[in-house]
C-alpha atoms as a PDB file:
ATOM      1  CA  MET A   1      85.068 214.708  11.468  1.00  0.00           C
ATOM      2  CA  ILE A   2      82.842 212.127   9.677  1.00  0.00           C
ATOM      3  CA  ALA A   3      82.290 208.403  10.866  1.00  0.00           C
ATOM      4  CA  ALA A   4      80.018 205.203  10.130  1.00  0.00           C
ATOM      5  CA  GLU A   5      79.854 202.839  12.971  1.00  0.00           C
ATOM      6  CA  ARG A   6      78.199 199.807  11.515  1.00  0.00           C
ATOM      7  CA  LEU A   7      75.601 201.244   9.015  1.00  0.00           C
ATOM      8  CA  THR A   8      72.875 198.735   8.245  1.00  0.00           C
ATOM      9  CA  VAL A   9      70.359 199.842   5.678  1.00  0.00           C
ATOM     10  CA  ARG A  10      67.176 197.702   5.098  1.00  0.00           C
ATOM     11  CA  HIS A  11      64.155 198.812   2.630  1.00  0.00           C
ATOM     12  CA  ALA A  12      60.607 198.194   3.965  1.00  0.00           C
ATOM     13  CA  ASP A  13      60.808 194.914   1.256  1.00  0.00           C
ATOM     14  CA  GLY A  14      63.692 193.451   3.530  1.00  0.00           C
ATOM     15  CA  SER A  15      66.381 193.778   1.182  1.00  0.00           C
ATOM     16  CA  VAL A  16      69.771 195.073   2.062  1.00  0.00           C
ATOM     17  CA  ALA A  17      71.068 198.618   0.756  1.00  0.00           C
ATOM     18  CA  LEU A  18      74.107 198.512   3.051  1.00  0.00           C
ATOM     19  CA  ASP A  19      75.219 196.079   5.404  1.00  0.00           C
ATOM     20  CA  ASP A  20      77.382 196.592   8.676  1.00  0.00           C
ATOM     21  CA  VAL A  21      79.473 199.228   6.917  1.00  0.00           C
ATOM     22  CA  GLY A  22      82.285 201.189   9.201  1.00  0.00           C
ATOM     23  CA  PHE A  23      84.875 203.886   8.689  1.00  0.00           C
ATOM     24  CA  ALA A  24      85.932 207.288   9.512  1.00  0.00           C
ATOM     25  CA  VAL A  25      87.074 210.248   7.670  1.00  0.00           C
ATOM     26  CA  ASP A  26      89.827 213.001   9.038  1.00  0.00           C
ATOM     27  CA  ALA A  27      89.151 216.413   8.347  1.00  0.00           C
ATOM     28  CA  GLY A  28      91.012 217.343   4.400  1.00  0.00           C
ATOM     29  CA  GLU A  29      90.739 213.884   3.726  1.00  0.00           C
ATOM     30  CA  LYS A  30      89.716 213.126  -0.336  1.00  0.00           C
ATOM     31  CA  VAL A  31      87.824 209.761  -0.113  1.00  0.00           C
ATOM     32  CA  VAL A  32      86.681 207.709  -3.540  1.00  0.00           C
ATOM     33  CA  LEU A  33      83.943 205.496  -3.025  1.00  0.00           C
ATOM     34  CA  LEU A  34      83.911 202.623  -5.701  1.00  0.00           C
ATOM     35  CA  GLY A  35      80.894 200.117  -6.086  1.00  0.00           C
ATOM     36  CA  GLY A  36      79.300 198.512  -8.779  1.00  0.00           C
ATOM     37  CA  ASN A  37      75.949 199.609  -9.494  1.00  0.00           C
ATOM     38  CA  GLY A  38      73.313 198.883  -6.526  1.00  0.00           C
ATOM     39  CA  SER A  39      76.010 198.338  -4.212  1.00  0.00           C
ATOM     40  CA  GLY A  40      74.734 201.439  -1.695  1.00  0.00           C
ATOM     41  CA  LYS A  41      77.089 203.868  -2.934  1.00  0.00           C
ATOM     42  CA  THR A  42      74.102 206.773  -3.133  1.00  0.00           C
ATOM     43  CA  THR A  43      72.467 205.443  -0.159  1.00  0.00           C
ATOM     44  CA  LEU A  44      75.920 205.556   1.824  1.00  0.00           C
ATOM     45  CA  LEU A  45      75.730 209.446   0.997  1.00  0.00           C
ATOM     46  CA  ARG A  46      72.439 210.395   1.816  1.00  0.00           C
ATOM     47  CA  VAL A  47      72.744 208.547   5.190  1.00  0.00           C
ATOM     48  CA  LEU A  48      76.096 210.427   5.955  1.00  0.00           C
ATOM     49  CA  ASP A  49      74.150 213.620   4.969  1.00  0.00           C
ATOM     50  CA  GLY A  50      70.997 212.861   7.113  1.00  0.00           C
ATOM     51  CA  LEU A  51      69.030 212.335   4.889  1.00  0.00           C
ATOM     52  CA  ILE A  52      68.388 208.457   5.575  1.00  0.00           C
ATOM     53  CA  GLU A  53      68.213 207.209   8.780  1.00  0.00           C
ATOM     54  CA  PRO A  54      69.893 203.917   8.962  1.00  0.00           C
ATOM     55  CA  THR A  55      68.163 200.244   9.900  1.00  0.00           C
ATOM     56  CA  ALA A  56      71.386 200.316  12.445  1.00  0.00           C
ATOM     57  CA  GLY A  57      74.309 201.677  13.476  1.00  0.00           C
ATOM     58  CA  ARG A  58      75.002 205.380  13.354  1.00  0.00           C
ATOM     59  CA  VAL A  59      76.678 208.485  11.753  1.00  0.00           C
ATOM     60  CA  LEU A  60      78.977 210.877  13.780  1.00  0.00           C
ATOM     61  CA  TYR A  61      80.046 214.303  12.825  1.00  0.00           C
ATOM     62  CA  ASP A  62      82.750 215.656  15.090  1.00  0.00           C
ATOM     63  CA  GLY A  63      81.947 213.085  17.932  1.00  0.00           C
ATOM     64  CA  HIS A  64      78.102 213.983  17.628  1.00  0.00           C
ATOM     65  CA  PRO A  65      75.618 211.259  16.281  1.00  0.00           C
ATOM     66  CA  VAL A  66      73.508 212.552  13.427  1.00  0.00           C
ATOM     67  CA  ASP A  67      70.200 210.971  13.746  1.00  0.00           C
ATOM     68  CA  ALA A  68      66.537 212.483  13.642  1.00  0.00           C
ATOM     69  CA  ARG A  69      66.463 213.595  17.113  1.00  0.00           C
ATOM     70  CA  SER A  70      69.711 215.761  16.557  1.00  0.00           C
ATOM     71  CA  LEU A  71      68.287 217.157  13.612  1.00  0.00           C
ATOM     72  CA  ARG A  72      65.913 218.302  16.031  1.00  0.00           C
ATOM     73  CA  ASP A  73      68.000 220.635  17.558  1.00  0.00           C
ATOM     74  CA  ALA A  74      68.472 223.932  15.604  1.00  0.00           C
ATOM     75  CA  ASP A  75      71.455 224.557  16.188  1.00  0.00           C
ATOM     76  CA  PHE A  76      72.742 221.604  15.887  1.00  0.00           C
ATOM     77  CA  ALA A  77      70.793 220.931  12.588  1.00  0.00           C
ATOM     78  CA  ARG A  78      71.751 224.606  11.373  1.00  0.00           C
ATOM     79  CA  ARG A  79      75.249 223.565  11.764  1.00  0.00           C
ATOM     80  CA  PHE A  80      75.474 220.352  10.350  1.00  0.00           C
ATOM     81  CA  ARG A  81      73.421 221.573   7.205  1.00  0.00           C
ATOM     82  CA  SER A  82      76.097 224.582   6.733  1.00  0.00           C
ATOM     83  CA  ASP A  83      78.922 221.965   7.445  1.00  0.00           C
ATOM     84  CA  VAL A  84      78.202 219.031   5.178  1.00  0.00           C
ATOM     85  CA  ALA A  85      77.013 218.964   1.133  1.00  0.00           C
ATOM     86  CA  LEU A  86      75.470 216.602  -0.948  1.00  0.00           C
ATOM     87  CA  GLN A  87      75.494 216.962  -4.625  1.00  0.00           C
ATOM     88  CA  PHE A  88      73.636 214.751  -6.485  1.00  0.00           C
ATOM     89  CA  GLN A  89      74.008 213.080  -9.420  1.00  0.00           C
ATOM     90  CA  ASN A  90      71.334 214.433 -11.529  1.00  0.00           C
ATOM     91  CA  PRO A  91      71.895 218.304 -11.149  1.00  0.00           C
ATOM     92  CA  ASP A  92      68.025 218.434 -12.441  1.00  0.00           C
ATOM     93  CA  SER A  93      67.094 216.973  -8.996  1.00  0.00           C
ATOM     94  CA  MET A  94      68.746 220.070  -7.275  1.00  0.00           C
ATOM     95  CA  LEU A  95      67.074 223.159  -9.390  1.00  0.00           C
ATOM     96  CA  PHE A  96      63.849 224.188  -8.763  1.00  0.00           C
ATOM     97  CA  HIS A  97      64.179 228.495  -8.655  1.00  0.00           C
ATOM     98  CA  ALA A  98      63.463 230.422 -11.560  1.00  0.00           C
ATOM     99  CA  THR A  99      67.300 231.822 -11.897  1.00  0.00           C
ATOM    100  CA  VAL A 100      70.555 231.068 -11.240  1.00  0.00           C
ATOM    101  CA  PHE A 101      70.921 233.486  -8.607  1.00  0.00           C
ATOM    102  CA  ASP A 102      68.195 232.533  -6.236  1.00  0.00           C
ATOM    103  CA  GLU A 103      69.227 228.827  -6.861  1.00  0.00           C
ATOM    104  CA  ILE A 104      73.391 229.520  -5.602  1.00  0.00           C
ATOM    105  CA  ALA A 105      71.367 231.848  -2.730  1.00  0.00           C
ATOM    106  CA  PHE A 106      68.993 229.257  -1.326  1.00  0.00           C
ATOM    107  CA  GLY A 107      71.389 227.734   0.919  1.00  0.00           C
ATOM    108  CA  ALA A 108      72.450 230.910   2.531  1.00  0.00           C
ATOM    109  CA  ARG A 109      68.693 232.179   2.672  1.00  0.00           C
ATOM    110  CA  GLN A 110      68.016 229.171   4.837  1.00  0.00           C
ATOM    111  CA  LEU A 111      70.521 229.587   7.431  1.00  0.00           C
ATOM    112  CA  GLY A 112      70.219 232.804   7.747  1.00  0.00           C
ATOM    113  CA  PHE A 113      73.261 234.297   6.494  1.00  0.00           C
ATOM    114  CA  ASP A 114      73.401 237.619   6.423  1.00  0.00           C
ATOM    115  CA  ASP A 115      76.081 238.280   3.431  1.00  0.00           C
ATOM    116  CA  GLU A 116      73.742 236.269   1.074  1.00  0.00           C
ATOM    117  CA  GLU A 117      74.663 238.537  -2.150  1.00  0.00           C
ATOM    118  CA  SER A 118      78.115 238.911  -2.237  1.00  0.00           C
ATOM    119  CA  ARG A 119      78.483 235.076  -1.282  1.00  0.00           C
ATOM    120  CA  VAL A 120      76.244 234.314  -4.588  1.00  0.00           C
ATOM    121  CA  LEU A 121      78.493 236.780  -6.636  1.00  0.00           C
ATOM    122  CA  ASP A 122      81.613 235.509  -5.259  1.00  0.00           C
ATOM    123  CA  TRP A 123      81.207 231.660  -5.875  1.00  0.00           C
ATOM    124  CA  ALA A 124      79.109 232.087  -9.327  1.00  0.00           C
ATOM    125  CA  GLU A 125      82.467 233.863 -10.251  1.00  0.00           C
ATOM    126  CA  ARG A 126      84.555 231.262  -9.103  1.00  0.00           C
ATOM    127  CA  LEU A 127      82.653 228.463 -10.184  1.00  0.00           C
ATOM    128  CA  GLY A 128      82.184 230.325 -14.172  1.00  0.00           C
ATOM    129  CA  VAL A 129      78.625 230.854 -14.081  1.00  0.00           C
ATOM    130  CA  GLY A 130      78.402 234.263 -13.304  1.00  0.00           C
ATOM    131  CA  HIS A 131      77.133 235.233 -16.587  1.00  0.00           C
ATOM    132  CA  LEU A 132      74.251 233.075 -16.317  1.00  0.00           C
ATOM    133  CA  LEU A 133      72.757 234.873 -13.055  1.00  0.00           C
ATOM    134  CA  GLU A 134      69.438 235.879 -14.435  1.00  0.00           C
ATOM    135  CA  ARG A 135      69.169 232.569 -16.762  1.00  0.00           C
ATOM    136  CA  VAL A 136      66.852 229.674 -16.227  1.00  0.00           C
ATOM    137  CA  PRO A 137      68.497 226.913 -14.415  1.00  0.00           C
ATOM    138  CA  TYR A 138      66.680 223.749 -16.197  1.00  0.00           C
ATOM    139  CA  ARG A 139      67.776 225.619 -19.622  1.00  0.00           C
ATOM    140  CA  LEU A 140      71.023 225.106 -18.863  1.00  0.00           C
ATOM    141  CA  SER A 141      73.687 222.846 -20.389  1.00  0.00           C
ATOM    142  CA  SER A 142      74.756 219.616 -17.998  1.00  0.00           C
ATOM    143  CA  GLY A 143      78.078 221.340 -17.483  1.00  0.00           C
ATOM    144  CA  GLU A 144      76.479 224.389 -16.393  1.00  0.00           C
ATOM    145  CA  LYS A 145      74.030 222.984 -14.202  1.00  0.00           C
ATOM    146  CA  GLN A 146      76.731 221.308 -12.337  1.00  0.00           C
ATOM    147  CA  ARG A 147      78.573 224.300 -11.910  1.00  0.00           C
ATOM    148  CA  VAL A 148      75.226 226.205 -10.351  1.00  0.00           C
ATOM    149  CA  CYS A 149      74.883 223.194  -7.817  1.00  0.00           C
ATOM    150  CA  LEU A 150      78.622 223.034  -6.924  1.00  0.00           C
ATOM    151  CA  ALA A 151      77.848 226.977  -6.634  1.00  0.00           C
ATOM    152  CA  ALA A 152      75.154 226.736  -4.409  1.00  0.00           C
ATOM    153  CA  LEU A 153      76.582 224.046  -2.246  1.00  0.00           C
ATOM    154  CA  LEU A 154      80.121 226.110  -1.617  1.00  0.00           C
ATOM    155  CA  ALA A 155      78.043 229.625  -0.994  1.00  0.00           C
ATOM    156  CA  VAL A 156      77.544 228.039   2.435  1.00  0.00           C
ATOM    157  CA  GLU A 157      81.360 227.126   3.008  1.00  0.00           C
ATOM    158  CA  PRO A 158      80.770 223.472   3.785  1.00  0.00           C
ATOM    159  CA  ARG A 159      83.901 221.394   5.831  1.00  0.00           C
ATOM    160  CA  VAL A 160      82.567 218.071   3.924  1.00  0.00           C
ATOM    161  CA  LEU A 161      81.533 217.986   0.449  1.00  0.00           C
ATOM    162  CA  LEU A 162      79.454 214.095  -0.706  1.00  0.00           C
ATOM    163  CA  LEU A 163      79.721 213.945  -4.360  1.00  0.00           C
ATOM    164  CA  ASP A 164      77.553 211.413  -5.808  1.00  0.00           C
ATOM    165  CA  GLU A 165      79.122 210.266  -9.423  1.00  0.00           C
ATOM    166  CA  PRO A 166      80.206 214.466 -10.168  1.00  0.00           C
ATOM    167  CA  ILE A 167      81.397 213.367 -13.822  1.00  0.00           C
ATOM    168  CA  ALA A 168      78.363 210.980 -15.053  1.00  0.00           C
ATOM    169  CA  ASN A 169      76.529 213.627 -17.325  1.00  0.00           C
ATOM    170  CA  LEU A 170      79.717 215.811 -17.902  1.00  0.00           C
ATOM    171  CA  ASP A 171      81.920 215.858 -21.537  1.00  0.00           C
ATOM    172  CA  PRO A 172      85.453 215.983 -21.538  1.00  0.00           C
ATOM    173  CA  ARG A 173      86.303 219.286 -21.255  1.00  0.00           C
ATOM    174  CA  SER A 174      83.719 219.631 -18.304  1.00  0.00           C
ATOM    175  CA  THR A 175      85.119 216.901 -16.811  1.00  0.00           C
ATOM    176  CA  GLY A 176      88.439 218.033 -16.823  1.00  0.00           C
ATOM    177  CA  TRP A 177      87.464 221.383 -15.267  1.00  0.00           C
ATOM    178  CA  LEU A 178      85.346 219.559 -12.151  1.00  0.00           C
ATOM    179  CA  VAL A 179      88.906 217.527 -11.630  1.00  0.00           C
ATOM    180  CA  ASP A 180      90.761 220.683 -11.440  1.00  0.00           C
ATOM    181  CA  PHE A 181      88.625 222.533  -9.747  1.00  0.00           C
ATOM    182  CA  LEU A 182      88.049 219.646  -6.878  1.00  0.00           C
ATOM    183  CA  GLN A 183      91.619 219.332  -6.779  1.00  0.00           C
ATOM    184  CA  ASP A 184      92.527 222.760  -5.027  1.00  0.00           C
ATOM    185  CA  LEU A 185      89.176 222.647  -2.580  1.00  0.00           C
ATOM    186  CA  ASP A 186      90.630 222.801   1.042  1.00  0.00           C
ATOM    187  CA  LEU A 187      88.031 220.476   1.736  1.00  0.00           C
ATOM    188  CA  THR A 188      86.663 217.028   3.109  1.00  0.00           C
ATOM    189  CA  VAL A 189      85.523 215.306   0.022  1.00  0.00           C
ATOM    190  CA  ILE A 190      84.137 211.964  -0.608  1.00  0.00           C
ATOM    191  CA  THR A 191      83.715 210.870  -4.212  1.00  0.00           C
ATOM    192  CA  THR A 192      81.706 208.339  -5.713  1.00  0.00           C
ATOM    193  CA  THR A 193      82.657 207.076  -9.463  1.00  0.00           C
ATOM    194  CA  HIS A 194      82.694 204.233 -11.665  1.00  0.00           C
ATOM    195  CA  ASN A 195      85.415 205.691 -13.550  1.00  0.00           C
ATOM    196  CA  LEU A 196      88.447 203.972 -12.599  1.00  0.00           C
ATOM    197  CA  SER A 197      91.057 205.816 -14.631  1.00  0.00           C
ATOM    198  CA  LEU A 198      89.952 209.240 -13.244  1.00  0.00           C
ATOM    199  CA  ALA A 199      89.952 208.050  -9.653  1.00  0.00           C
ATOM    200  CA  PRO A 200      93.219 208.931  -8.724  1.00  0.00           C
ATOM    201  CA  GLU A 201      92.252 212.458  -9.380  1.00  0.00           C
ATOM    202  CA  PHE A 202      89.438 212.370  -6.612  1.00  0.00           C
ATOM    203  CA  GLY A 203      91.814 211.374  -3.549  1.00  0.00           C
ATOM    204  CA  SER A 204      94.524 208.928  -2.534  1.00  0.00           C
ATOM    205  CA  ARG A 205      92.282 206.865  -0.304  1.00  0.00           C
ATOM    206  CA  ALA A 206      89.161 204.314  -1.516  1.00  0.00           C
ATOM    207  CA  LEU A 207      86.515 202.639  -0.124  1.00  0.00           C
ATOM    208  CA  VAL A 208      84.802 200.099  -2.058  1.00  0.00           C
ATOM    209  CA  LEU A 209      81.340 198.492  -2.064  1.00  0.00           C
ATOM    210  CA  GLY A 210      81.036 194.928  -2.691  1.00  0.00           C
ATOM    211  CA  GLU A 211      77.725 193.297  -4.445  1.00  0.00           C
ATOM    212  CA  ASP A 212      76.882 192.200  -1.030  1.00  0.00           C
ATOM    213  CA  HIS A 213      76.931 196.015   0.369  1.00  0.00           C
ATOM    214  CA  ARG A 214      79.483 195.276   2.970  1.00  0.00           C
ATOM    215  CA  LEU A 215      82.677 197.395   3.081  1.00  0.00           C
ATOM    216  CA  ALA A 216      85.274 195.222   0.504  1.00  0.00           C
ATOM    217  CA  PHE A 217      88.302 197.436   1.149  1.00  0.00           C
ATOM    218  CA  ASP A 218      89.132 200.610   2.778  1.00  0.00           C
ATOM    219  CA  GLY A 219      92.897 201.922   2.472  1.00  0.00           C
ATOM    220  CA  GLU A 220      95.468 203.455  -0.025  1.00  0.00           C
ATOM    221  CA  LEU A 221      93.601 203.665  -3.547  1.00  0.00           C
ATOM    222  CA  ALA A 222      96.921 202.160  -5.729  1.00  0.00           C
ATOM    223  CA  THR A 223      96.310 199.162  -3.892  1.00  0.00           C
ATOM    224  CA  ALA A 224      92.881 199.056  -4.548  1.00  0.00           C
ATOM    225  CA  LEU A 225      93.403 199.398  -8.766  1.00  0.00           C
ATOM    226  CA  ASP A 226      95.766 197.179  -8.547  1.00  0.00           C
ATOM    227  CA  ASP A 227      94.018 194.134  -6.961  1.00  0.00           C
ATOM    228  CA  MET A 228      91.906 192.998 -10.103  1.00  0.00           C
ATOM    229  CA  ASP A 229      90.307 190.339  -7.876  1.00  0.00           C
ATOM    230  CA  LEU A 230      89.040 192.588  -5.860  1.00  0.00           C
ATOM    231  CA  LEU A 231      87.571 195.158  -8.770  1.00  0.00           C
ATOM    232  CA  GLN A 232      86.166 191.959 -10.091  1.00  0.00           C
ATOM    233  CA  ARG A 233      84.375 191.022  -7.061  1.00  0.00           C
ATOM    234  CA  ALA A 234      83.108 194.583  -6.603  1.00  0.00           C
ATOM    235  CA  ASN A 235      81.917 194.112 -10.361  1.00  0.00           C
ATOM    236  CA  LEU A 236      83.815 197.242 -11.501  1.00  0.00           C
ATOM    237  CA  VAL A 237      86.070 195.589 -13.616  1.00  0.00           C
ATOM    238  CA  HIS A 238      84.274 192.683 -16.897  1.00  0.00           C
ATOM    239  CA  THR A 239      85.712 189.873 -18.136  1.00  0.00           C
ATOM    240  CA  HIS A 240      84.670 189.440 -22.311  1.00  0.00           C
ATOM    241  CA  ARG A 241      86.067 187.323 -25.203  1.00  0.00           C
ATOM    242  CA  HIS A 242      88.799 189.104 -27.624  1.00  0.00           C
ATOM    243  CA  ARG A 243      89.927 187.422 -30.827  1.00  0.00           C
ATOM    244  CA  HIS A 244      93.255 188.066 -32.207  1.00  0.00           C
ATOM    245  CA  GLY A 245      92.926 186.296 -35.844  1.00  0.00           C
ATOM    246  CA  ASP A 246      92.642 182.799 -35.241  1.00  0.00           C
ATOM    247  CA  HIS A 247      93.282 182.530 -31.344  1.00  0.00           C
ATOM    248  CA  GLU A 248      90.890 183.852 -28.485  1.00  0.00           C
ATOM    249  CA  HIS A 249      91.215 184.582 -25.064  1.00  0.00           C
ATOM    250  CA  ARG A 250      89.406 186.023 -22.242  1.00  0.00           C
ATOM    251  CA  HIS A 251      90.861 188.585 -19.703  1.00  0.00           C
ATOM    252  CA  PRO A 252      89.489 191.400 -17.277  1.00  0.00           C
ATOM    253  CA  HIS A 253      89.124 194.757 -18.691  1.00  0.00           C
ATOM    254  CA  VAL A 254      88.343 198.271 -17.385  1.00  0.00           C
ATOM    255  CA  HIS A 255      85.800 200.222 -19.465  1.00  0.00           C
ATOM    256  CA  ASP A 256      85.193 203.705 -17.946  1.00  0.00           C
ATOM    257  CA  TRP A 257      82.179 205.048 -17.793  1.00  0.00           C
ATOM    258  CA  GLY A 258      81.143 208.312 -15.965  1.00  0.00           C
END
């Protein structure tokens, strides 16, 4: 459904964000994108969403290139923007309307759907924010903001959902709700996370970006999580000293964060 072919992204100063990254994701797959801070996870999601033009390589959606030229085609752009949805790590960067209703309605309005109100009411109810429709989005809690952002994306009924650290700002209760909700979605989903304990809840396939910004692993998530050398090289686990009485030793540790 969506594929990356030898993607390379270089910043204006010459530094590398992605280096020769390639993979393909089939319809319905749930993929977990792992990597340390600065490995290029967010950049990769934005390239897949057509927000960043790669320096080299290309993205294909259903076999069609996704680039500046194709996105100037109104029919393809409308289809792609409806089918592929990206949720940023910080929900505040996605909220800019006066009410929750208008926030959820924005995508449907932009794409010209004629059932805007029913879409808003339906997805607001599914996401548990129906009682917030007249509220100002920036005054909501982090969990409520996350739900509103998801409702806004899902209101256009995408086929592919790209989630950048979706649990980063959530408390335990909100995290549990989100995990359950995502598991029930019949969509292709690519999720970035640092949380190795929760990673299996987001998918069974792992893509691991190394500190060299290259794809270090593509395969079963369980295999990746059992490979301590891979996780250390990708800066996903760390080693520090432990004291037990008079004895001191060092070994790798997983300390999860959002």
